Amino acid sequence: MKNLLLAFAMLLIVSNCNKNDDDQPTNPIDQLPPATQTGAGTFGCLLNGEPFLPGNSQNPLDCVYQFINGGYYFSLQANKRDDLNNRITLSLSTKSLEIEENEVFNLLENIDGNAYGRYSYATLETYTSQDYTGELTITKLDFTNNIVSGTFWYDIEDYNGVVHQIREGRFDMQFTQ
């Protein structure tokens, strides 16, 4: 009987060893928030194949869409801190460019009339360009409830010449005007 109880205890221990690992998605894309359109306050993408989710930083998410001095300005910024406590920021913006639902915007240079992406690490920042571009798709723009949702991807070369790939991006935010 003692051997039977010991065998049962060992079986129970072995069967529960990886229980916590089973609860975590192993595919990086499965760790991103779902693509919703409810103003859920979500943002996520793959940064060089790894999940990028805002948090662990002051003001982890911010979204603004304003008409200023005759031009429309959209800005969505997501922040987090890495293991060295450096701030990483990914953002999507327009400069004197109105966004519309179901439109695809090329992410190019940070100049008037363009949409663009930004990557910053610590205090150094870079922008999409003619050589390193991407796309922003607005899937919902609701002025009654101030909701903007969409998807994005872009490539961006940092200040050290390293090209970062931002993929499978999605957001569902309430914006301020």
Protein backbone atom coordinates (compact mmCIF):
# COMPACT_ATOMS: atom_id res chain seq x y z
CA MET A 1 0.00 0.00 0.00
CA LYS A 2 2.88 2.33 0.85
CA ASN A 3 4.39 1.78 -2.62
CA LEU A 4 1.04 2.49 -4.24
CA LEU A 5 0.70 5.81 -2.38
CA LEU A 6 4.27 6.74 -3.29
CA ALA A 7 3.64 5.92 -6.96
CA PHE A 8 0.42 7.96 -6.91
CA ALA A 9 2.20 10.93 -5.31
CA MET A 10 4.99 10.79 -7.92
CA LEU A 11 2.45 10.63 -10.74
CA LEU A 12 0.63 13.67 -9.33
CA ILE A 13 3.86 15.64 -9.03
CA VAL A 14 5.02 14.78 -12.56
CA SER A 15 1.64 15.59 -14.11
CA ASN A 16 1.63 19.07 -12.51
CA CYS A 17 5.27 19.99 -13.20
CA ASN A 18 4.55 21.94 -16.41
CA LYS A 19 1.08 23.19 -15.53
CA ASN A 20 2.12 26.88 -15.50
CA ASP A 21 3.94 26.51 -18.83
CA ASP A 22 0.80 25.10 -20.42
CA ASP A 23 -1.16 28.24 -19.48
CA GLN A 24 1.18 30.56 -21.41
CA PRO A 25 0.83 30.83 -25.20
CA THR A 26 4.06 29.84 -26.90
CA ASN A 27 3.33 31.50 -30.25
CA PRO A 28 4.31 35.20 -29.91
CA ILE A 29 1.31 36.34 -31.97
CA ASP A 30 -1.04 34.62 -29.51
CA GLN A 31 0.30 36.91 -26.77
CA LEU A 32 -1.01 40.03 -28.53
CA PRO A 33 -4.40 41.52 -27.68
CA PRO A 34 -7.27 40.61 -30.01
CA ALA A 35 -8.07 42.97 -32.89
CA THR A 36 -11.21 44.64 -31.50
CA GLN A 37 -13.10 47.85 -32.32
CA THR A 38 -14.68 48.81 -29.00
CA GLY A 39 -12.23 51.36 -27.56
CA ALA A 40 -10.73 48.65 -25.32
CA GLY A 41 -7.47 50.58 -24.78
CA THR A 42 -5.26 47.89 -26.31
CA PHE A 43 -2.07 47.96 -28.37
CA GLY A 44 0.28 45.18 -29.36
CA CYS A 45 2.65 44.06 -32.09
CA LEU A 46 5.68 41.91 -32.70
CA LEU A 47 8.95 43.82 -32.43
CA ASN A 48 11.62 41.72 -34.12
CA GLY A 49 9.46 38.64 -33.59
CA GLU A 50 8.87 39.25 -29.87
CA PRO A 51 5.61 40.52 -28.33
CA PHE A 52 5.60 44.26 -27.64
CA LEU A 53 2.91 45.21 -25.15
CA PRO A 54 2.88 48.62 -23.46
CA GLY A 55 3.30 48.87 -19.72
CA ASN A 56 5.93 49.06 -17.02
CA SER A 57 6.40 52.73 -17.94
CA GLN A 58 4.91 56.12 -17.20
CA ASN A 59 2.00 56.83 -19.59
CA PRO A 60 2.19 53.46 -21.39
CA LEU A 61 -0.49 54.37 -23.97
CA ASP A 62 -1.62 57.67 -25.41
CA CYS A 63 -3.87 58.45 -28.38
CA VAL A 64 -4.78 61.88 -29.76
CA TYR A 65 -6.54 63.05 -32.92
CA GLN A 66 -6.74 66.83 -33.29
CA PHE A 67 -7.32 69.57 -35.82
CA ILE A 68 -4.64 72.22 -35.22
CA ASN A 69 -3.78 75.26 -37.36
CA GLY A 70 -5.61 73.92 -40.41
CA GLY A 71 -4.27 70.36 -40.25
CA TYR A 72 -5.20 67.01 -38.74
CA TYR A 73 -2.74 65.32 -36.41
CA PHE A 74 -3.10 61.73 -35.23
CA SER A 75 -0.72 60.28 -32.68
CA LEU A 76 -0.74 56.88 -31.02
CA GLN A 77 2.18 56.12 -28.73
CA ALA A 78 2.98 52.94 -26.78
CA ASN A 79 5.76 52.72 -24.18
CA LYS A 80 7.41 50.03 -22.12
CA ARG A 81 10.68 49.51 -20.28
CA ASP A 82 13.16 46.78 -21.14
CA ASP A 83 15.20 44.66 -18.70
CA LEU A 84 17.78 47.47 -18.43
CA ASN A 85 15.02 49.99 -17.55
CA ASN A 86 15.39 51.80 -20.89
CA ARG A 87 12.18 53.14 -22.38
CA ILE A 88 11.12 51.71 -25.74
CA THR A 89 8.49 53.67 -27.66
CA LEU A 90 6.62 52.72 -30.81
CA SER A 91 4.28 55.25 -32.35
CA LEU A 92 2.11 55.94 -35.37
CA SER A 93 1.33 59.50 -36.41
CA THR A 94 0.07 61.76 -39.14
CA LYS A 95 1.24 65.29 -39.82
CA SER A 96 -1.34 67.54 -41.48
CA LEU A 97 -3.13 64.44 -42.76
CA GLU A 98 -6.72 63.46 -42.01
CA ILE A 99 -7.34 59.80 -41.21
CA GLU A 100 -10.43 57.97 -42.45
CA GLU A 101 -12.05 54.64 -41.70
CA ASN A 102 -11.12 51.79 -44.08
CA GLU A 103 -8.14 53.72 -45.43
CA VAL A 104 -4.59 52.41 -45.75
CA PHE A 105 -1.84 54.95 -45.15
CA ASN A 106 1.77 54.44 -46.22
CA LEU A 107 4.17 55.13 -43.37
CA LEU A 108 6.86 57.38 -44.82
CA GLU A 109 8.92 60.36 -43.64
CA ASN A 110 7.94 62.64 -40.79
CA ILE A 111 6.84 65.57 -42.98
CA ASP A 112 3.59 67.45 -43.64
CA GLY A 113 0.99 65.41 -45.49
CA ASN A 114 2.41 62.04 -44.38
CA ALA A 115 1.70 59.22 -41.99
CA TYR A 116 4.82 57.84 -40.33
CA GLY A 117 6.08 55.39 -37.72
CA ARG A 118 8.57 56.03 -34.97
CA TYR A 119 10.87 53.86 -32.88
CA SER A 120 12.78 55.17 -29.90
CA TYR A 121 15.08 53.55 -27.42
CA ALA A 122 16.07 55.51 -24.33
CA THR A 123 16.39 59.07 -25.71
CA LEU A 124 17.24 58.24 -29.34
CA GLU A 125 14.46 58.12 -31.94
CA THR A 126 14.11 57.35 -35.62
CA TYR A 127 11.28 57.50 -38.15
CA THR A 128 10.11 55.54 -41.15
CA SER A 129 11.50 56.76 -44.45
CA GLN A 130 11.39 56.19 -48.20
CA ASP A 131 13.67 53.17 -47.68
CA TYR A 132 12.04 51.74 -44.54
CA THR A 133 8.27 52.01 -44.76
CA GLY A 134 5.09 50.33 -43.61
CA GLU A 135 1.33 50.66 -43.55
CA LEU A 136 -1.33 51.87 -41.14
CA THR A 137 -4.92 50.72 -41.74
CA ILE A 138 -7.73 52.47 -39.89
CA THR A 139 -10.48 49.88 -39.39
CA LYS A 140 -12.75 52.05 -37.21
CA LEU A 141 -13.04 55.79 -36.64
CA ASP A 142 -15.97 56.74 -34.41
CA PHE A 143 -16.25 60.43 -33.50
CA THR A 144 -19.31 59.89 -31.30
CA ASN A 145 -17.40 57.62 -28.91
CA ASN A 146 -13.88 58.83 -29.82
CA ILE A 147 -12.72 55.35 -30.87
CA VAL A 148 -9.97 54.60 -33.36
CA SER A 149 -8.92 51.05 -34.20
CA GLY A 150 -6.57 49.63 -36.75
CA THR A 151 -3.65 47.49 -37.81
CA PHE A 152 -0.09 48.33 -38.79
CA TRP A 153 3.33 47.09 -39.74
CA TYR A 154 6.60 48.83 -40.53
CA ASP A 155 10.34 48.50 -40.86
CA ILE A 156 12.56 51.12 -39.33
CA GLU A 157 16.31 51.66 -39.20
CA ASP A 158 17.58 52.82 -35.83
CA TYR A 159 20.43 55.23 -35.05
CA ASN A 160 22.93 52.31 -35.13
CA GLY A 161 21.86 51.09 -38.56
CA VAL A 162 19.87 48.14 -37.17
CA VAL A 163 16.60 47.50 -39.00
CA HIS A 164 13.70 46.63 -36.69
CA GLN A 165 10.63 44.80 -37.97
CA ILE A 166 7.31 45.73 -36.43
CA ARG A 167 4.65 43.21 -37.49
CA GLU A 168 1.08 42.10 -36.74
CA GLY A 169 0.33 45.44 -35.05
CA ARG A 170 -3.14 46.16 -33.78
CA PHE A 171 -4.74 48.80 -31.60
CA ASP A 172 -8.16 49.72 -30.25
CA MET A 173 -8.11 53.06 -28.47
CA GLN A 174 -10.20 55.94 -27.31
CA PHE A 175 -8.66 59.19 -28.48
CA THR A 176 -8.73 62.70 -27.06
CA GLN A 177 -9.41 65.69 -29.25
